[in-house]
């Protein structure tokens, strides 16, 4: 369980940093991180970091697939976590 929590902290910090990096690159009109990579990081467990990155950096907030997709990914992950928790406790 501790390993999983460390993983979640790591992936969310990484995802947050990647969103910030992509926003900085967007401002400089530089090479960008693909959108599928940004969403994939959320799917890998970085949905909280993605959401925070979107809010703090004001990044991808006009893209429906991010505005809807990241919260949906988080919601599905939360349901899965609760299901696993209740399954293990019963």
Protein backbone atom coordinates (compact mmCIF):
# COMPACT_ATOMS: atom_id res chain seq x y z
CA UNK A 1 0.00 0.00 0.00
CA UNK A 2 2.82 2.43 0.82
CA UNK A 3 4.45 1.77 -2.54
CA UNK A 4 1.20 2.60 -4.29
CA UNK A 5 0.82 5.85 -2.35
CA UNK A 6 4.41 6.84 -3.18
CA UNK A 7 3.64 6.06 -6.83
CA UNK A 8 0.53 8.28 -6.75
CA UNK A 9 2.46 11.17 -5.23
CA UNK A 10 5.22 10.74 -7.82
CA UNK A 11 2.93 10.49 -10.87
CA UNK A 12 0.87 13.50 -9.76
CA UNK A 13 3.94 15.67 -9.18
CA UNK A 14 5.31 14.55 -12.55
CA UNK A 15 2.00 15.23 -14.31
CA UNK A 16 1.72 18.67 -12.70
CA UNK A 17 5.27 19.51 -13.81
CA UNK A 18 4.62 18.28 -17.36
CA UNK A 19 1.50 20.47 -17.63
CA UNK A 20 3.55 23.44 -16.41
CA UNK A 21 6.33 22.67 -18.88
CA UNK A 22 3.86 22.42 -21.75
CA UNK A 23 2.28 25.75 -20.81
CA UNK A 24 5.72 27.41 -20.73
CA UNK A 25 6.50 25.94 -24.16
CA UNK A 26 3.15 27.18 -25.48
CA UNK A 27 3.98 30.72 -24.40
CA UNK A 28 7.32 30.51 -26.25
CA UNK A 29 5.77 28.88 -29.34
CA UNK A 30 8.20 25.99 -28.84
CA UNK A 31 7.83 22.25 -29.42
CA UNK A 32 4.84 21.01 -27.39
CA UNK A 33 4.06 17.88 -25.44
CA UNK A 34 1.39 15.89 -27.31
CA UNK A 35 -2.13 16.07 -25.85
CA UNK A 36 -2.32 12.28 -25.77
CA UNK A 37 0.73 12.25 -23.48
CA UNK A 38 -0.88 14.77 -21.15
CA UNK A 39 -4.07 12.71 -20.95
CA UNK A 40 -2.15 9.44 -20.63
CA UNK A 41 -0.35 10.78 -17.55
CA UNK A 42 -3.77 11.46 -16.02
CA UNK A 43 -4.87 7.91 -16.85
CA UNK A 44 -1.71 6.52 -15.22
CA UNK A 45 -2.86 8.03 -11.92
CA UNK A 46 -1.93 11.67 -12.36
CA UNK A 47 -5.45 13.02 -12.67
CA UNK A 48 -5.12 15.24 -9.59
CA UNK A 49 -1.82 16.65 -10.89
CA UNK A 50 -3.41 17.19 -14.30
CA UNK A 51 -6.39 19.01 -12.80
CA UNK A 52 -4.15 21.17 -10.61
CA UNK A 53 -1.91 21.90 -13.58
CA UNK A 54 -4.90 22.95 -15.64
CA UNK A 55 -6.13 25.28 -12.91
CA UNK A 56 -2.84 26.76 -11.68
CA UNK A 57 -1.20 27.19 -15.10
CA UNK A 58 -4.53 27.92 -16.86
CA UNK A 59 -3.58 25.30 -19.38
CA UNK A 60 -5.91 23.31 -21.66
CA UNK A 61 -8.93 24.92 -20.01
CA UNK A 62 -10.62 25.60 -23.36
CA UNK A 63 -10.25 22.03 -24.63
CA UNK A 64 -13.36 19.95 -23.97
CA UNK A 65 -11.42 16.70 -23.89
CA UNK A 66 -9.40 18.08 -20.97
CA UNK A 67 -12.15 20.01 -19.17
CA UNK A 68 -14.40 16.95 -19.26
CA UNK A 69 -11.82 14.18 -19.63
CA UNK A 70 -9.59 14.87 -16.64
CA UNK A 71 -12.48 15.01 -14.11
CA UNK A 72 -14.01 11.87 -15.66
CA UNK A 73 -10.65 10.08 -15.38
CA UNK A 74 -10.40 11.17 -11.73
CA UNK A 75 -13.97 10.04 -11.03
CA UNK A 76 -13.35 6.61 -12.56
CA UNK A 77 -10.10 6.25 -10.63
CA UNK A 78 -11.86 7.20 -7.40
CA UNK A 79 -14.58 4.60 -8.02
CA UNK A 80 -11.94 1.96 -8.78
CA UNK A 81 -10.02 2.87 -5.62
CA UNK A 82 -13.16 2.61 -3.48
CA UNK A 83 -14.10 -0.71 -5.08
CA UNK A 84 -10.65 -2.12 -4.40
CA UNK A 85 -10.68 -0.78 -0.85
CA UNK A 86 -14.10 -2.27 -0.06
CA UNK A 87 -13.19 -5.56 -1.74
CA UNK A 88 -10.04 -5.85 0.36
CA UNK A 89 -11.86 -4.92 3.58
CA UNK A 90 -14.69 -7.40 3.12
